[in-house]
Amino acid sequence: MLLCPKSLPLLQLGDRSLWENALLVGGILAILVAMVFIAVFWRFAKLWIQSKTTGAGIGIFDLIRMWLRKVNPTIITRAKIMAVQSGLDDEEEISTKALEAHYLAGGNLPLVIRAMIAAKKAKIIPLTFKRATAIDLAGRNILEAVQTSVYPRVIDCPARDAKRPSLDSIAKNGIQLKVKARVTVRANLDQLIGGATEDTIVARVGEGIVSAIGSAVTHADVLENPDRISRTVLARKLDSQTAFEIVSIDIADIDVGDNIGARLQADQAEADTRVARAQAEGKRAMAVAREQENVASIEENRALLVESEAQVPIAIADALRSGKLGILDYYRLKNVQADTDMREAIAGVSVTPTRSADGVS
């Protein structure tokens, strides 16, 4: 295509306008990119400077990557700085990715680093980052556990908020003793995950104290040597399968209570008395019943006697009619009966009413 000489200035002018527009757009984009970079750099500049000056080794792109993954860069950076400054990073490689992983898992990262620093300063507790994160994710307060390992904790037995202010037990002689104890424990990091808590320690120690007092012959033996309770309880290994190690068990207070044995004996004697009374009352009722039965039997026999005596006049009359009994024999019988009645009257003997030979009383 042939161009007319008159059209060349117009094309050159148009190309210049396109070039200028491209430069303008490129400049605007460059300015926007620079502004975004400056904004991002300004956002993380403080953390990046802290990381560089402390040797934490976290770059600006690492901070941006954390921000894009919705990880708090401030927590990760400060945790890494604490680890580096305390010397943890020299003994164990605590990488930035490991810190991010624990944060994303829901762990308390600053608490873990502080616990590891405390364990390192104590120089008696071997605590690795993997072990510390596992304890933290298990729901335990790792810093409190480390502090309890360094400085043993004292637990009241029974607890201060318990319903009973003391542990009550009875010796073999029946005297009640009221005891308050203090248990000194140290955290056991090996059994911190899955180990029983303070309530189990208090319950086991209370059971051991009650058992030790109950096995004593007299309460005087316990009052004379209170440490025998501690030795007996410690020998039972009550801290097994718990998150603590029992250091010592000290008897803080011991008081003499009531004479429970005498009270129980009095109650038993009262109960025995009631049983004896009930048995005596039963025997009395049985005797009365038997007496009434005997009275009824006497009346029954008396009725039979009266019935039999009523047959005597009839028999005498039949004997007189048949000639088996004479009139002299009849009067002789009457005389004998009268003589018997007279003797009984003189002797004052109460007898049953008698009948004469003819049936008249």
Protein backbone atom coordinates (compact mmCIF):
# COMPACT_ATOMS: atom_id res chain seq x y z
CA MET A 1 0.00 0.00 0.00
CA LEU A 2 1.40 3.35 -1.00
CA LEU A 3 1.17 6.15 1.41
CA CYS A 4 0.61 9.63 0.37
CA PRO A 5 3.35 12.05 1.45
CA LYS A 6 0.72 14.23 3.02
CA SER A 7 -0.35 11.41 5.43
CA LEU A 8 3.11 10.73 6.99
CA PRO A 9 3.02 13.52 9.57
CA LEU A 10 -0.33 12.22 10.83
CA LEU A 11 1.02 8.67 11.34
CA GLN A 12 4.08 9.91 13.15
CA LEU A 13 1.90 12.04 15.36
CA GLY A 14 -0.39 9.04 16.12
CA ASP A 15 2.56 6.70 16.93
CA ARG A 16 3.93 9.30 19.28
CA SER A 17 0.57 9.49 21.08
CA LEU A 18 0.42 5.69 21.49
CA TRP A 19 3.95 5.55 22.84
CA GLU A 20 3.24 8.32 25.26
CA ASN A 21 0.08 6.54 26.44
CA ALA A 22 2.00 3.29 26.93
CA LEU A 23 4.63 5.07 28.94
CA LEU A 24 1.94 6.75 30.99
CA VAL A 25 0.19 3.45 31.72
CA GLY A 26 3.51 1.78 32.55
CA GLY A 27 4.42 4.59 34.85
CA ILE A 28 1.10 4.38 36.63
CA LEU A 29 1.48 0.61 37.05
CA ALA A 30 5.01 1.03 38.32
CA ILE A 31 3.83 3.63 40.79
CA LEU A 32 1.03 1.31 41.96
CA VAL A 33 3.43 -1.62 42.32
CA ALA A 34 5.86 0.59 44.20
CA MET A 35 3.08 1.83 46.47
CA VAL A 36 1.93 -1.73 47.17
CA PHE A 37 5.51 -2.82 47.84
CA ILE A 38 6.08 0.16 50.08
CA ALA A 39 2.81 -0.53 51.95
CA VAL A 40 3.65 -4.22 52.42
CA PHE A 41 7.23 -3.38 53.36
CA TRP A 42 6.02 -0.74 55.78
CA ARG A 43 3.61 -3.24 57.31
CA PHE A 44 6.29 -5.83 57.97
CA ALA A 45 9.32 -3.56 58.12
CA LYS A 46 9.41 -3.50 61.93
CA LEU A 47 9.22 -7.29 62.20
CA TRP A 48 11.76 -7.76 59.42
CA ILE A 49 14.20 -5.36 61.07
CA GLN A 50 13.77 -7.14 64.43
CA SER A 51 14.36 -10.49 62.74
CA LYS A 52 17.49 -9.28 60.97
CA THR A 53 18.99 -7.56 63.99
CA THR A 54 18.40 -10.57 66.28
CA GLY A 55 19.42 -13.26 63.81
CA ALA A 56 16.01 -14.93 63.73
CA GLY A 57 16.37 -15.56 60.00
CA ILE A 58 12.84 -14.61 58.93
CA GLY A 59 12.80 -12.69 55.62
CA ILE A 60 10.31 -10.22 54.26
CA PHE A 61 8.90 -12.81 51.87
CA ASP A 62 8.44 -15.23 54.76
CA LEU A 63 6.39 -12.60 56.55
CA ILE A 64 4.29 -12.01 53.44
CA ARG A 65 3.77 -15.76 53.04
CA MET A 66 2.61 -16.00 56.67
CA TRP A 67 0.20 -13.14 56.10
CA LEU A 68 -1.24 -14.84 53.03
CA ARG A 69 -1.64 -18.12 54.94
CA LYS A 70 -3.48 -16.24 57.73
CA VAL A 71 -0.69 -16.88 60.21
CA ASN A 72 0.05 -14.08 62.67
CA PRO A 73 3.58 -12.96 61.71
CA THR A 74 4.04 -11.07 64.94
CA ILE A 75 3.58 -14.18 67.11
CA ILE A 76 5.87 -16.31 64.92
CA THR A 77 8.59 -13.65 64.74
CA ARG A 78 8.59 -12.92 68.46
CA ALA A 79 8.59 -16.65 69.29
CA LYS A 80 11.56 -17.21 66.97
CA ILE A 81 13.38 -14.21 68.44
CA MET A 82 12.86 -15.52 71.99
CA ALA A 83 14.15 -18.95 70.95
CA VAL A 84 17.23 -17.51 69.26
CA GLN A 85 18.06 -15.02 72.00
CA SER A 86 17.74 -17.66 74.75
CA GLY A 87 19.94 -20.13 72.90
CA LEU A 88 17.23 -22.69 72.18
CA ASP A 89 17.93 -22.57 68.48
CA ASP A 90 21.54 -23.66 69.06
CA GLU A 91 20.58 -26.83 70.93
CA GLU A 92 17.52 -27.76 68.89
CA GLU A 93 16.53 -26.70 65.43
CA ILE A 94 13.31 -24.73 65.86
CA SER A 95 12.35 -23.85 62.30
CA THR A 96 9.90 -21.23 61.22
CA LYS A 97 7.72 -23.90 59.61
CA ALA A 98 7.56 -25.82 62.88
CA LEU A 99 6.44 -22.68 64.68
CA GLU A 100 3.80 -22.04 62.01
CA ALA A 101 2.57 -25.64 62.20
CA HIS A 102 2.09 -25.44 65.97
CA TYR A 103 0.30 -22.10 65.63
CA LEU A 104 -2.04 -23.47 62.94
CA ALA A 105 -2.73 -26.52 65.14
CA GLY A 106 -4.17 -24.20 67.80
CA GLY A 107 -1.26 -24.28 70.23
CA ASN A 108 -0.11 -21.48 72.51
CA LEU A 109 3.24 -20.79 70.88
CA PRO A 110 4.55 -18.04 73.24
CA LEU A 111 3.73 -20.23 76.25
CA VAL A 112 5.66 -23.16 74.75
CA ILE A 113 8.76 -21.04 74.08
CA ARG A 114 8.64 -19.52 77.57
CA ALA A 115 8.32 -23.01 79.08
CA MET A 116 11.33 -24.25 77.11
CA ILE A 117 13.36 -21.22 78.21
CA ALA A 118 12.42 -21.86 81.86
CA ALA A 119 13.36 -25.55 81.52
CA LYS A 120 16.70 -24.62 79.92
CA LYS A 121 17.51 -22.14 82.67
CA ALA A 122 16.62 -24.70 85.35
CA LYS A 123 19.09 -27.21 83.81
CA ILE A 124 17.29 -30.14 85.47
CA ILE A 125 14.35 -30.69 83.11
CA PRO A 126 14.96 -32.16 79.63
CA LEU A 127 12.28 -30.55 77.48
CA THR A 128 12.35 -30.65 73.69
CA PHE A 129 10.24 -28.59 71.33
CA LYS A 130 8.36 -31.66 70.09
CA ARG A 131 7.57 -32.78 73.62
CA ALA A 132 6.55 -29.28 74.70
CA THR A 133 4.18 -28.84 71.75
CA ALA A 134 2.63 -32.26 72.41
CA ILE A 135 1.95 -31.34 76.05
CA ASP A 136 0.53 -27.97 74.99
CA LEU A 137 -1.79 -29.50 72.38
CA ALA A 138 -2.96 -32.02 74.98
CA GLY A 139 -4.50 -29.12 76.93
CA ARG A 140 -1.94 -28.92 79.74
CA ASN A 141 -0.32 -25.69 80.87
CA ILE A 142 3.26 -26.48 79.94
CA LEU A 143 4.70 -23.39 81.62
CA GLU A 144 2.92 -24.15 84.89
CA ALA A 145 4.13 -27.76 84.70
CA VAL A 146 7.74 -26.63 84.26
CA GLN A 147 7.42 -24.16 87.12
CA THR A 148 5.94 -26.88 89.33
CA SER A 149 8.87 -29.13 88.42
CA VAL A 150 11.33 -26.44 89.49
CA TYR A 151 9.40 -25.19 92.51
CA PRO A 152 7.31 -28.00 94.10
CA ARG A 153 3.70 -27.21 94.83
CA VAL A 154 1.90 -27.68 98.14
CA ILE A 155 -1.61 -29.18 98.09
CA ASP A 156 -3.92 -29.11 101.11
CA CYS A 157 -5.55 -32.39 102.08
CA PRO A 158 -8.48 -32.09 102.36
CA ALA A 159 -8.86 -29.17 99.98
CA ARG A 160 -9.81 -25.80 101.40
CA ASP A 161 -13.15 -25.80 99.60
CA ALA A 162 -14.04 -29.32 100.78
CA LYS A 163 -17.21 -29.98 102.77
CA ARG A 164 -15.25 -31.45 105.68
CA PRO A 165 -12.44 -29.34 107.19
CA SER A 166 -10.40 -32.41 108.20
CA LEU A 167 -9.87 -36.10 107.54
CA ASP A 168 -11.71 -38.06 110.25
CA SER A 169 -10.64 -41.58 111.12
CA ILE A 170 -11.00 -43.92 114.11
CA ALA A 171 -8.22 -45.94 115.74
CA LYS A 172 -8.81 -49.48 116.97
CA ASN A 173 -9.56 -48.27 120.50
CA GLY A 174 -12.51 -46.26 119.19
CA ILE A 175 -11.04 -42.73 119.54
CA GLN A 176 -11.62 -40.41 116.59
CA LEU A 177 -8.72 -38.37 115.16
CA LYS A 178 -9.10 -35.32 112.91
CA VAL A 179 -6.11 -34.78 110.63
CA LYS A 180 -5.04 -32.07 108.19
CA ALA A 181 -2.15 -32.80 105.84
CA ARG A 182 -0.09 -30.96 103.24
CA VAL A 183 1.21 -32.80 100.20
CA THR A 184 4.25 -31.44 98.36
CA VAL A 185 4.25 -32.49 94.71
CA ARG A 186 6.44 -31.96 91.67
CA ALA A 187 5.17 -32.14 88.10
CA ASN A 188 6.08 -35.32 86.25
CA LEU A 189 6.52 -34.37 82.59
CA ASP A 190 6.73 -38.02 81.53
CA GLN A 191 3.18 -38.65 82.75
CA LEU A 192 1.77 -35.19 82.21
CA ILE A 193 -0.20 -36.38 79.18
CA GLY A 194 -2.90 -38.75 80.41
CA GLY A 195 -1.88 -38.52 84.07
CA ALA A 196 -4.38 -37.93 86.86
CA THR A 197 -4.79 -34.45 88.33
CA GLU A 198 -4.64 -32.97 91.85
CA ASP A 199 -8.06 -34.35 92.83
CA THR A 200 -6.74 -37.88 92.47
CA ILE A 201 -3.69 -37.07 94.62
CA VAL A 202 -5.91 -35.57 97.34
CA ALA A 203 -8.28 -38.56 97.26
CA ARG A 204 -5.48 -41.13 97.42
CA VAL A 205 -3.62 -39.34 100.22
CA GLY A 206 -6.86 -38.99 102.21
CA GLU A 207 -7.59 -42.68 101.79
CA GLY A 208 -4.05 -43.57 102.89
CA ILE A 209 -4.24 -41.38 106.01
CA VAL A 210 -7.60 -42.85 107.04
CA SER A 211 -6.27 -46.38 106.52
CA ALA A 212 -3.08 -45.65 108.50
CA ILE A 213 -5.03 -44.27 111.47
CA GLY A 214 -7.51 -47.15 111.34
CA SER A 215 -4.69 -49.69 111.56
CA ALA A 216 -3.22 -48.06 114.70
CA VAL A 217 -3.89 -49.92 117.96
CA THR A 218 -4.55 -46.76 119.96
CA HIS A 219 -4.86 -43.09 119.11
CA ALA A 220 -1.93 -42.39 121.47
CA ASP A 221 0.39 -44.21 119.06
CA VAL A 222 -0.60 -41.84 116.28
CA LEU A 223 -0.30 -38.76 118.48
CA GLU A 224 3.12 -39.89 119.65
CA ASN A 225 4.48 -40.52 116.15
CA PRO A 226 2.52 -38.60 113.51
CA ASP A 227 5.28 -39.26 110.98
CA ARG A 228 4.26 -42.93 110.89
CA ILE A 229 1.25 -41.81 108.85
CA SER A 230 3.52 -40.08 106.33
CA ARG A 231 5.82 -43.09 106.03
CA THR A 232 2.90 -45.47 105.61
CA VAL A 233 1.24 -43.34 102.94
CA LEU A 234 4.46 -42.68 101.01
CA ALA A 235 5.22 -46.40 100.92
CA ARG A 236 2.01 -47.05 98.96
CA LYS A 237 3.22 -45.17 95.82
CA LEU A 238 0.11 -43.04 95.56
CA ASP A 239 1.56 -40.94 92.69
CA SER A 240 1.35 -43.84 90.23
CA GLN A 241 -0.32 -42.91 86.93
CA THR A 242 -0.62 -39.27 87.96
CA ALA A 243 0.83 -36.07 86.52
CA PHE A 244 2.72 -35.40 89.76
CA GLU A 245 5.46 -36.92 91.87
CA ILE A 246 4.86 -36.80 95.61
CA VAL A 247 7.87 -35.28 97.36
CA SER A 248 6.58 -35.41 100.95
CA ILE A 249 3.43 -35.72 103.04
CA ASP A 250 3.40 -33.60 106.20
CA ILE A 251 0.81 -33.71 108.98
CA ALA A 252 -0.15 -30.07 109.54
CA ASP A 253 -2.66 -30.60 112.36
CA ILE A 254 -4.08 -33.50 114.33
CA ASP A 255 -6.86 -33.27 116.94
CA VAL A 256 -8.64 -35.80 119.12
CA GLY A 257 -12.33 -36.11 118.38
CA ASP A 258 -15.14 -38.06 120.03
CA ASN A 259 -14.99 -41.51 121.59
CA ILE A 260 -16.84 -43.17 118.76
CA GLY A 261 -16.14 -46.67 120.13
CA ALA A 262 -17.84 -45.93 123.46
CA ARG A 263 -20.76 -44.34 121.67
CA LEU A 264 -21.15 -47.36 119.44
CA GLN A 265 -20.95 -49.70 122.43
CA ALA A 266 -23.60 -47.65 124.26
CA ASP A 267 -25.82 -47.74 121.19
CA GLN A 268 -25.25 -51.49 120.89
CA ALA A 269 -26.08 -52.00 124.58
CA GLU A 270 -29.25 -49.95 124.16
CA ALA A 271 -30.17 -52.01 121.14
CA ASP A 272 -29.48 -55.25 123.04
CA THR A 273 -31.65 -54.00 125.92
CA ARG A 274 -34.50 -53.31 123.56
CA VAL A 275 -34.12 -56.76 122.04
CA ALA A 276 -34.10 -58.37 125.50
CA ARG A 277 -37.18 -56.38 126.50
CA ALA A 278 -38.94 -57.42 123.35
CA GLN A 279 -38.03 -61.06 123.97
CA ALA A 280 -39.16 -60.85 127.63
CA GLU A 281 -42.41 -59.24 126.57
CA GLY A 282 -42.89 -62.04 124.09
CA LYS A 283 -42.25 -64.66 126.75
CA ARG A 284 -44.66 -62.90 129.14
CA ALA A 285 -47.31 -62.82 126.46
CA MET A 286 -46.76 -66.51 125.79
CA ALA A 287 -47.07 -67.26 129.54
CA VAL A 288 -50.28 -65.27 129.78
CA ALA A 289 -51.61 -67.11 126.78
CA ARG A 290 -50.70 -70.46 128.29
CA GLU A 291 -52.33 -69.39 131.60
CA GLN A 292 -55.50 -68.51 129.80
CA GLU A 293 -55.38 -71.82 128.00
CA ASN A 294 -54.97 -73.62 131.35
CA VAL A 295 -57.91 -71.68 132.84
CA ALA A 296 -60.01 -72.66 129.87
CA SER A 297 -58.89 -76.26 130.25
CA ILE A 298 -59.80 -76.19 133.99
CA GLU A 299 -63.23 -74.83 133.21
CA GLU A 300 -63.68 -77.47 130.58
CA ASN A 301 -62.67 -80.25 133.00
CA ARG A 302 -64.90 -78.73 135.70
CA ALA A 303 -67.80 -78.84 133.31
CA LEU A 304 -67.05 -82.49 132.58
CA LEU A 305 -66.89 -83.13 136.36
CA VAL A 306 -70.23 -81.45 136.93
CA GLU A 307 -71.67 -83.45 134.09
CA SER A 308 -70.29 -86.65 135.58
CA GLU A 309 -71.61 -85.76 139.08
CA ALA A 310 -75.02 -85.18 137.58
CA GLN A 311 -75.07 -88.87 136.62
CA VAL A 312 -74.49 -90.01 140.26
CA PRO A 313 -78.10 -89.44 141.58
CA ILE A 314 -79.49 -91.17 138.54
CA ALA A 315 -77.22 -94.15 139.13
CA ILE A 316 -78.18 -94.28 142.86
CA ALA A 317 -81.89 -94.15 141.99
CA ASP A 318 -81.47 -96.97 139.50
CA ALA A 319 -79.58 -99.00 142.13
CA LEU A 320 -82.34 -98.46 144.72
CA ARG A 321 -85.04 -99.49 142.25
CA SER A 322 -83.18 -102.56 141.19
CA GLY A 323 -82.40 -103.59 144.81
CA LYS A 324 -78.62 -103.42 144.33
CA LEU A 325 -78.38 -100.65 146.95
CA GLY A 326 -80.22 -100.77 150.27
CA ILE A 327 -81.54 -97.89 152.29
CA LEU A 328 -78.92 -98.41 155.00
CA ASP A 329 -76.17 -98.25 152.44
CA TYR A 330 -77.60 -95.00 151.17
CA TYR A 331 -77.63 -93.36 154.63
CA ARG A 332 -74.15 -94.66 155.35
CA LEU A 333 -72.97 -92.92 152.12
CA LYS A 334 -74.67 -89.71 153.24
CA ASN A 335 -72.90 -89.87 156.61
CA VAL A 336 -69.50 -90.34 154.96
CA GLN A 337 -70.12 -87.41 152.65
CA ALA A 338 -71.25 -85.17 155.53
CA ASP A 339 -68.19 -86.13 157.56
CA THR A 340 -65.94 -85.22 154.61
CA ASP A 341 -67.63 -81.83 154.20
CA MET A 342 -67.19 -81.09 157.89
CA ARG A 343 -63.49 -81.88 157.84
CA GLU A 344 -62.93 -79.71 154.79
CA ALA A 345 -64.81 -76.84 156.45
CA ILE A 346 -62.69 -77.17 159.63
CA ALA A 347 -59.46 -77.26 157.56
CA GLY A 348 -60.55 -74.17 155.64
CA VAL A 349 -59.90 -75.80 152.27
CA SER A 350 -61.70 -74.22 149.35
CA VAL A 351 -63.22 -76.97 147.34
CA THR A 352 -65.59 -77.16 144.54
CA PRO A 353 -69.24 -77.44 145.34
CA THR A 354 -70.17 -81.03 146.13
CA ARG A 355 -73.38 -82.78 145.61
CA SER A 356 -75.15 -84.99 148.07
CA ALA A 357 -76.12 -88.50 147.33
CA ASP A 358 -79.49 -87.35 146.18
CA GLY A 359 -78.07 -84.68 143.88
CA VAL A 360 -78.62 -81.65 146.18
CA SER A 361 -75.57 -79.29 146.69
